[in-house]
Amino acid sequence: MDKEQLISMIHFLEERGKESERDNRELKELVNELRDIKKQDMQNQSDLMESIERLTNQIAELSEQNKVLEQEVDNLLP
């Protein structure tokens, strides 16, 4: 290998190193974005589960109230 080829190879490797650093930086940013998205998804899931629990409790309460009202109606009818 002559001097020009070595210089060319060094420049190529320097460029490749810079590209690799850029790729790594972009991948780290992507990983951070994905972590943030996952955290938000987990929070949304938790919020939804809490809402489902509240709604389930409300349905149970309304069902009990409905039974009481039905009994009262039955008692009022001859």
PDB file of N, CA and C in Angstrom:
ATOM      1  N   MET A   1       0.837  -1.166   0.000  1.00  0.00           N
ATOM      2  CA  MET A   1       0.000   0.000   0.000  1.00  0.00           C
ATOM      3  C   MET A   1       0.890   1.239   0.000  1.00  0.00           C
ATOM      4  N   ASP A   2       0.584   2.142  -0.885  1.00  0.00           N
ATOM      5  CA  ASP A   2       1.396   3.359  -0.922  1.00  0.00           C
ATOM      6  C   ASP A   2       0.818   4.427   0.002  1.00  0.00           C
ATOM      7  N   LYS A   3       1.513   5.549   0.074  1.00  0.00           N
ATOM      8  CA  LYS A   3       1.150   6.625   0.995  1.00  0.00           C
ATOM      9  C   LYS A   3      -0.249   7.164   0.712  1.00  0.00           C
ATOM     10  N   GLU A   4      -0.612   7.351  -0.545  1.00  0.00           N
ATOM     11  CA  GLU A   4      -1.923   7.888  -0.922  1.00  0.00           C
ATOM     12  C   GLU A   4      -3.051   6.932  -0.501  1.00  0.00           C
ATOM     13  N   GLN A   5      -2.803   5.669  -0.682  1.00  0.00           N
ATOM     14  CA  GLN A   5      -3.798   4.684  -0.277  1.00  0.00           C
ATOM     15  C   GLN A   5      -3.992   4.682   1.240  1.00  0.00           C
ATOM     16  N   LEU A   6      -2.891   4.797   1.983  1.00  0.00           N
ATOM     17  CA  LEU A   6      -2.980   4.852   3.437  1.00  0.00           C
ATOM     18  C   LEU A   6      -3.743   6.094   3.894  1.00  0.00           C
ATOM     19  N   ILE A   7      -3.449   7.219   3.276  1.00  0.00           N
ATOM     20  CA  ILE A   7      -4.144   8.467   3.619  1.00  0.00           C
ATOM     21  C   ILE A   7      -5.630   8.330   3.309  1.00  0.00           C
ATOM     22  N   SER A   8      -5.915   7.768   2.161  1.00  0.00           N
ATOM     23  CA  SER A   8      -7.302   7.558   1.772  1.00  0.00           C
ATOM     24  C   SER A   8      -8.011   6.631   2.763  1.00  0.00           C
ATOM     25  N   MET A   9      -7.346   5.574   3.169  1.00  0.00           N
ATOM     26  CA  MET A   9      -7.903   4.634   4.132  1.00  0.00           C
ATOM     27  C   MET A   9      -8.148   5.309   5.479  1.00  0.00           C
ATOM     28  N   ILE A  10      -7.203   6.138   5.915  1.00  0.00           N
ATOM     29  CA  ILE A  10      -7.361   6.861   7.179  1.00  0.00           C
ATOM     30  C   ILE A  10      -8.566   7.788   7.109  1.00  0.00           C
ATOM     31  N   HIS A  11      -8.709   8.529   6.021  1.00  0.00           N
ATOM     32  CA  HIS A  11      -9.860   9.419   5.860  1.00  0.00           C
ATOM     33  C   HIS A  11     -11.169   8.630   5.863  1.00  0.00           C
ATOM     34  N   PHE A  12     -11.152   7.504   5.187  1.00  0.00           N
ATOM     35  CA  PHE A  12     -12.338   6.653   5.155  1.00  0.00           C
ATOM     36  C   PHE A  12     -12.704   6.199   6.568  1.00  0.00           C
ATOM     37  N   LEU A  13     -11.699   5.740   7.339  1.00  0.00           N
ATOM     38  CA  LEU A  13     -11.946   5.265   8.693  1.00  0.00           C
ATOM     39  C   LEU A  13     -12.403   6.395   9.614  1.00  0.00           C
ATOM     40  N   GLU A  14     -11.844   7.595   9.422  1.00  0.00           N
ATOM     41  CA  GLU A  14     -12.290   8.745  10.213  1.00  0.00           C
ATOM     42  C   GLU A  14     -13.759   9.046   9.928  1.00  0.00           C
ATOM     43  N   GLU A  15     -14.125   9.045   8.660  1.00  0.00           N
ATOM     44  CA  GLU A  15     -15.521   9.296   8.281  1.00  0.00           C
ATOM     45  C   GLU A  15     -16.437   8.219   8.835  1.00  0.00           C
ATOM     46  N   ARG A  16     -15.982   6.993   8.738  1.00  0.00           N
ATOM     47  CA  ARG A  16     -16.781   5.882   9.253  1.00  0.00           C
ATOM     48  C   ARG A  16     -16.959   6.004  10.767  1.00  0.00           C
ATOM     49  N   GLY A  17     -15.906   6.443  11.467  1.00  0.00           N
ATOM     50  CA  GLY A  17     -15.988   6.665  12.909  1.00  0.00           C
ATOM     51  C   GLY A  17     -17.000   7.752  13.240  1.00  0.00           C
ATOM     52  N   LYS A  18     -16.992   8.841  12.468  1.00  0.00           N
ATOM     53  CA  LYS A  18     -17.962   9.924  12.680  1.00  0.00           C
ATOM     54  C   LYS A  18     -19.383   9.439  12.417  1.00  0.00           C
ATOM     55  N   GLU A  19     -19.553   8.672  11.353  1.00  0.00           N
ATOM     56  CA  GLU A  19     -20.873   8.119  11.040  1.00  0.00           C
ATOM     57  C   GLU A  19     -21.344   7.197  12.166  1.00  0.00           C
ATOM     58  N   SER A  20     -20.426   6.411  12.678  1.00  0.00           N
ATOM     59  CA  SER A  20     -20.758   5.488  13.759  1.00  0.00           C
ATOM     60  C   SER A  20     -21.183   6.260  15.010  1.00  0.00           C
ATOM     61  N   GLU A  21     -20.482   7.342  15.310  1.00  0.00           N
ATOM     62  CA  GLU A  21     -20.851   8.180  16.455  1.00  0.00           C
ATOM     63  C   GLU A  21     -22.237   8.776  16.253  1.00  0.00           C
ATOM     64  N   ARG A  22     -22.516   9.263  15.048  1.00  0.00           N
ATOM     65  CA  ARG A  22     -23.846   9.811  14.744  1.00  0.00           C
ATOM     66  C   ARG A  22     -24.918   8.739  14.888  1.00  0.00           C
ATOM     67  N   ASP A  23     -24.630   7.557  14.355  1.00  0.00           N
ATOM     68  CA  ASP A  23     -25.589   6.450  14.458  1.00  0.00           C
ATOM     69  C   ASP A  23     -25.855   6.105  15.922  1.00  0.00           C
ATOM     70  N   ASN A  24     -24.793   6.031  16.715  1.00  0.00           N
ATOM     71  CA  ASN A  24     -24.951   5.722  18.141  1.00  0.00           C
ATOM     72  C   ASN A  24     -25.764   6.796  18.850  1.00  0.00           C
ATOM     73  N   ARG A  25     -25.499   8.051  18.546  1.00  0.00           N
ATOM     74  CA  ARG A  25     -26.235   9.160  19.152  1.00  0.00           C
ATOM     75  C   ARG A  25     -27.718   9.075  18.775  1.00  0.00           C
ATOM     76  N   GLU A  26     -27.987   8.816  17.503  1.00  0.00           N
ATOM     77  CA  GLU A  26     -29.377   8.697  17.047  1.00  0.00           C
ATOM     78  C   GLU A  26     -30.074   7.513  17.707  1.00  0.00           C
ATOM     79  N   LEU A  27     -29.360   6.407  17.852  1.00  0.00           N
ATOM     80  CA  LEU A  27     -29.943   5.231  18.508  1.00  0.00           C
ATOM     81  C   LEU A  27     -30.236   5.517  19.980  1.00  0.00           C
ATOM     82  N   LYS A  28     -29.339   6.226  20.654  1.00  0.00           N
ATOM     83  CA  LYS A  28     -29.581   6.581  22.050  1.00  0.00           C
ATOM     84  C   LYS A  28     -30.805   7.480  22.169  1.00  0.00           C
ATOM     85  N   GLU A  29     -30.942   8.437  21.250  1.00  0.00           N
ATOM     86  CA  GLU A  29     -32.108   9.315  21.260  1.00  0.00           C
ATOM     87  C   GLU A  29     -33.385   8.499  21.037  1.00  0.00           C
ATOM     88  N   LEU A  30     -33.327   7.562  20.109  1.00  0.00           N
ATOM     89  CA  LEU A  30     -34.480   6.713  19.818  1.00  0.00           C
ATOM     90  C   LEU A  30     -34.854   5.867  21.034  1.00  0.00           C
ATOM     91  N   VAL A  31     -33.857   5.310  21.697  1.00  0.00           N
ATOM     92  CA  VAL A  31     -34.109   4.508  22.905  1.00  0.00           C
ATOM     93  C   VAL A  31     -34.770   5.378  23.968  1.00  0.00           C
ATOM     94  N   ASN A  32     -34.282   6.603  24.142  1.00  0.00           N
ATOM     95  CA  ASN A  32     -34.882   7.503  25.125  1.00  0.00           C
ATOM     96  C   ASN A  32     -36.324   7.831  24.758  1.00  0.00           C
ATOM     97  N   GLU A  33     -36.581   8.077  23.488  1.00  0.00           N
ATOM     98  CA  GLU A  33     -37.945   8.352  23.036  1.00  0.00           C
ATOM     99  C   GLU A  33     -38.850   7.145  23.304  1.00  0.00           C
ATOM    100  N   LEU A  34     -38.342   5.961  23.004  1.00  0.00           N
ATOM    101  CA  LEU A  34     -39.127   4.749  23.229  1.00  0.00           C
ATOM    102  C   LEU A  34     -39.402   4.529  24.714  1.00  0.00           C
ATOM    103  N   ARG A  35     -38.423   4.846  25.564  1.00  0.00           N
ATOM    104  CA  ARG A  35     -38.639   4.738  27.008  1.00  0.00           C
ATOM    105  C   ARG A  35     -39.737   5.701  27.454  1.00  0.00           C
ATOM    106  N   ASP A  36     -39.677   6.928  26.937  1.00  0.00           N
ATOM    107  CA  ASP A  36     -40.704   7.918  27.284  1.00  0.00           C
ATOM    108  C   ASP A  36     -42.085   7.457  26.824  1.00  0.00           C
ATOM    109  N   ILE A  37     -42.144   6.911  25.622  1.00  0.00           N
ATOM    110  CA  ILE A  37     -43.419   6.411  25.096  1.00  0.00           C
ATOM    111  C   ILE A  37     -43.931   5.270  25.968  1.00  0.00           C
ATOM    112  N   LYS A  38     -43.028   4.379  26.372  1.00  0.00           N
ATOM    113  CA  LYS A  38     -43.433   3.249  27.212  1.00  0.00           C
ATOM    114  C   LYS A  38     -43.949   3.749  28.556  1.00  0.00           C
ATOM    115  N   LYS A  39     -43.249   4.725  29.147  1.00  0.00           N
ATOM    116  CA  LYS A  39     -43.711   5.280  30.425  1.00  0.00           C
ATOM    117  C   LYS A  39     -45.102   5.874  30.275  1.00  0.00           C
ATOM    118  N   GLN A  40     -45.321   6.613  29.187  1.00  0.00           N
ATOM    119  CA  GLN A  40     -46.631   7.225  28.966  1.00  0.00           C
ATOM    120  C   GLN A  40     -47.693   6.146  28.748  1.00  0.00           C
ATOM    121  N   ASP A  41     -47.353   5.114  27.995  1.00  0.00           N
ATOM    122  CA  ASP A  41     -48.290   4.009  27.775  1.00  0.00           C
ATOM    123  C   ASP A  41     -48.634   3.316  29.088  1.00  0.00           C
ATOM    124  N   MET A  42     -47.636   3.114  29.936  1.00  0.00           N
ATOM    125  CA  MET A  42     -47.880   2.469  31.224  1.00  0.00           C
ATOM    126  C   MET A  42     -48.787   3.353  32.086  1.00  0.00           C
ATOM    127  N   GLN A  43     -48.565   4.663  32.049  1.00  0.00           N
ATOM    128  CA  GLN A  43     -49.411   5.573  32.817  1.00  0.00           C
ATOM    129  C   GLN A  43     -50.831   5.556  32.275  1.00  0.00           C
ATOM    130  N   ASN A  44     -50.962   5.563  30.940  1.00  0.00           N
ATOM    131  CA  ASN A  44     -52.289   5.495  30.333  1.00  0.00           C
ATOM    132  C   ASN A  44     -53.004   4.207  30.710  1.00  0.00           C
ATOM    133  N   GLN A  45     -52.273   3.110  30.695  1.00  0.00           N
ATOM    134  CA  GLN A  45     -52.861   1.822  31.066  1.00  0.00           C
ATOM    135  C   GLN A  45     -53.317   1.841  32.523  1.00  0.00           C
ATOM    136  N   SER A  46     -52.489   2.404  33.385  1.00  0.00           N
ATOM    137  CA  SER A  46     -52.850   2.499  34.795  1.00  0.00           C
ATOM    138  C   SER A  46     -54.092   3.366  34.974  1.00  0.00           C
ATOM    139  N   ASP A  47     -54.139   4.495  34.275  1.00  0.00           N
ATOM    140  CA  ASP A  47     -55.316   5.373  34.350  1.00  0.00           C
ATOM    141  C   ASP A  47     -56.574   4.664  33.858  1.00  0.00           C
ATOM    142  N   LEU A  48     -56.425   3.912  32.764  1.00  0.00           N
ATOM    143  CA  LEU A  48     -57.573   3.165  32.242  1.00  0.00           C
ATOM    144  C   LEU A  48     -58.052   2.108  33.227  1.00  0.00           C
ATOM    145  N   MET A  49     -57.129   1.410  33.863  1.00  0.00           N
ATOM    146  CA  MET A  49     -57.509   0.383  34.830  1.00  0.00           C
ATOM    147  C   MET A  49     -58.239   1.015  36.020  1.00  0.00           C
ATOM    148  N   GLU A  50     -57.766   2.173  36.457  1.00  0.00           N
ATOM    149  CA  GLU A  50     -58.453   2.866  37.553  1.00  0.00           C
ATOM    150  C   GLU A  50     -59.860   3.280  37.129  1.00  0.00           C
ATOM    151  N   SER A  51     -59.992   3.771  35.903  1.00  0.00           N
ATOM    152  CA  SER A  51     -61.311   4.160  35.393  1.00  0.00           C
ATOM    153  C   SER A  51     -62.237   2.959  35.304  1.00  0.00           C
ATOM    154  N   ILE A  52     -61.715   1.844  34.845  1.00  0.00           N
ATOM    155  CA  ILE A  52     -62.517   0.617  34.753  1.00  0.00           C
ATOM    156  C   ILE A  52     -62.969   0.191  36.145  1.00  0.00           C
ATOM    157  N   GLU A  53     -62.071   0.270  37.108  1.00  0.00           N
ATOM    158  CA  GLU A  53     -62.418  -0.103  38.480  1.00  0.00           C
ATOM    159  C   GLU A  53     -63.518   0.800  39.031  1.00  0.00           C
ATOM    160  N   ARG A  54     -63.394   2.107  38.810  1.00  0.00           N
ATOM    161  CA  ARG A  54     -64.432   3.038  39.274  1.00  0.00           C
ATOM    162  C   ARG A  54     -65.771   2.748  38.607  1.00  0.00           C
ATOM    163  N   LEU A  55     -65.737   2.524  37.296  1.00  0.00           N
ATOM    164  CA  LEU A  55     -66.974   2.232  36.571  1.00  0.00           C
ATOM    165  C   LEU A  55     -67.606   0.918  37.038  1.00  0.00           C
ATOM    166  N   THR A  56     -66.777  -0.068  37.288  1.00  0.00           N
ATOM    167  CA  THR A  56     -67.278  -1.350  37.785  1.00  0.00           C
ATOM    168  C   THR A  56     -67.958  -1.163  39.136  1.00  0.00           C
ATOM    169  N   ASN A  57     -67.339  -0.369  40.000  1.00  0.00           N
ATOM    170  CA  ASN A  57     -67.951  -0.090  41.308  1.00  0.00           C
ATOM    171  C   ASN A  57     -69.264   0.671  41.154  1.00  0.00           C
ATOM    172  N   GLN A  58     -69.304   1.625  40.241  1.00  0.00           N
ATOM    173  CA  GLN A  58     -70.543   2.380  40.009  1.00  0.00           C
ATOM    174  C   GLN A  58     -71.646   1.464  39.495  1.00  0.00           C
ATOM    175  N   ILE A  59     -71.293   0.560  38.597  1.00  0.00           N
ATOM    176  CA  ILE A  59     -72.286  -0.384  38.066  1.00  0.00           C
ATOM    177  C   ILE A  59     -72.818  -1.261  39.190  1.00  0.00           C
ATOM    178  N   ALA A  60     -71.943  -1.728  40.059  1.00  0.00           N
ATOM    179  CA  ALA A  60     -72.371  -2.568  41.184  1.00  0.00           C
ATOM    180  C   ALA A  60     -73.325  -1.788  42.093  1.00  0.00           C
ATOM    181  N   GLU A  61     -72.976  -0.535  42.368  1.00  0.00           N
ATOM    182  CA  GLU A  61     -73.839   0.288  43.218  1.00  0.00           C
ATOM    183  C   GLU A  61     -75.196   0.534  42.551  1.00  0.00           C
ATOM    184  N   LEU A  62     -75.167   0.846  41.277  1.00  0.00           N
ATOM    185  CA  LEU A  62     -76.422   1.086  40.558  1.00  0.00           C
ATOM    186  C   LEU A  62     -77.273  -0.180  40.490  1.00  0.00           C
ATOM    187  N   SER A  63     -76.627  -1.319  40.344  1.00  0.00           N
ATOM    188  CA  SER A  63     -77.363  -2.588  40.313  1.00  0.00           C
ATOM    189  C   SER A  63     -78.048  -2.828  41.651  1.00  0.00           C
ATOM    190  N   GLU A  64     -77.352  -2.555  42.745  1.00  0.00           N
ATOM    191  CA  GLU A  64     -77.955  -2.706  44.070  1.00  0.00           C
ATOM    192  C   GLU A  64     -79.128  -1.747  44.250  1.00  0.00           C
ATOM    193  N   GLN A  65     -78.934  -0.497  43.831  1.00  0.00           N
ATOM    194  CA  GLN A  65     -80.012   0.482  43.931  1.00  0.00           C
ATOM    195  C   GLN A  65     -81.211   0.053  43.088  1.00  0.00           C
ATOM    196  N   ASN A  66     -80.943  -0.503  41.925  1.00  0.00           N
ATOM    197  CA  ASN A  66     -82.004  -0.978  41.040  1.00  0.00           C
ATOM    198  C   ASN A  66     -82.792  -2.106  41.703  1.00  0.00           C
ATOM    199  N   LYS A  67     -82.084  -3.027  42.361  1.00  0.00           N
ATOM    200  CA  LYS A  67     -82.760  -4.126  43.064  1.00  0.00           C
ATOM    201  C   LYS A  67     -83.662  -3.587  44.167  1.00  0.00           C
ATOM    202  N   VAL A  68     -83.162  -2.614  44.916  1.00  0.00           N
ATOM    203  CA  VAL A  68     -83.961  -2.020  45.997  1.00  0.00           C
ATOM    204  C   VAL A  68     -85.206  -1.361  45.420  1.00  0.00           C
ATOM    205  N   LEU A  69     -85.033  -0.617  44.337  1.00  0.00           N
ATOM    206  CA  LEU A  69     -86.176   0.036  43.704  1.00  0.00           C
ATOM    207  C   LEU A  69     -87.183  -0.976  43.169  1.00  0.00           C
ATOM    208  N   GLU A  70     -86.704  -2.052  42.577  1.00  0.00           N
ATOM    209  CA  GLU A  70     -87.594  -3.097  42.078  1.00  0.00           C
ATOM    210  C   GLU A  70     -88.393  -3.713  43.218  1.00  0.00           C
ATOM    211  N   GLN A  71     -87.738  -3.934  44.351  1.00  0.00           N
ATOM    212  CA  GLN A  71     -88.435  -4.487  45.519  1.00  0.00           C
ATOM    213  C   GLN A  71     -89.494  -3.516  46.028  1.00  0.00           C
ATOM    214  N   GLU A  72     -89.166  -2.245  46.052  1.00  0.00           N
ATOM    215  CA  GLU A  72     -90.127  -1.242  46.500  1.00  0.00           C
ATOM    216  C   GLU A  72     -91.329  -1.177  45.554  1.00  0.00           C
ATOM    217  N   VAL A  73     -91.068  -1.243  44.251  1.00  0.00           N
ATOM    218  CA  VAL A  73     -92.145  -1.249  43.268  1.00  0.00           C
ATOM    219  C   VAL A  73     -93.010  -2.494  43.457  1.00  0.00           C
ATOM    220  N   ASP A  74     -92.376  -3.640  43.643  1.00  0.00           N
ATOM    221  CA  ASP A  74     -93.121  -4.888  43.873  1.00  0.00           C
ATOM    222  C   ASP A  74     -93.992  -4.782  45.128  1.00  0.00           C
ATOM    223  N   ASN A  75     -93.467  -4.138  46.161  1.00  0.00           N
ATOM    224  CA  ASN A  75     -94.224  -3.980  47.407  1.00  0.00           C
ATOM    225  C   ASN A  75     -95.405  -3.012  47.228  1.00  0.00           C
ATOM    226  N   LEU A  76     -95.269  -2.044  46.354  1.00  0.00           N
ATOM    227  CA  LEU A  76     -96.335  -1.076  46.118  1.00  0.00           C
ATOM    228  C   LEU A  76     -97.445  -1.622  45.234  1.00  0.00           C
ATOM    229  N   LEU A  77     -97.101  -2.556  44.380  1.00  0.00           N
ATOM    230  CA  LEU A  77     -98.112  -3.143  43.487  1.00  0.00           C
ATOM    231  C   LEU A  77     -98.870  -4.247  44.210  1.00  0.00           C
ATOM    232  N   PRO A  78    -100.197  -4.329  43.978  1.00  0.00           N
ATOM    233  CA  PRO A  78    -100.985  -5.381  44.635  1.00  0.00           C
ATOM    234  C   PRO A  78    -100.701  -6.772  44.113  1.00  0.00           C
TER     235      PRO A  78
END
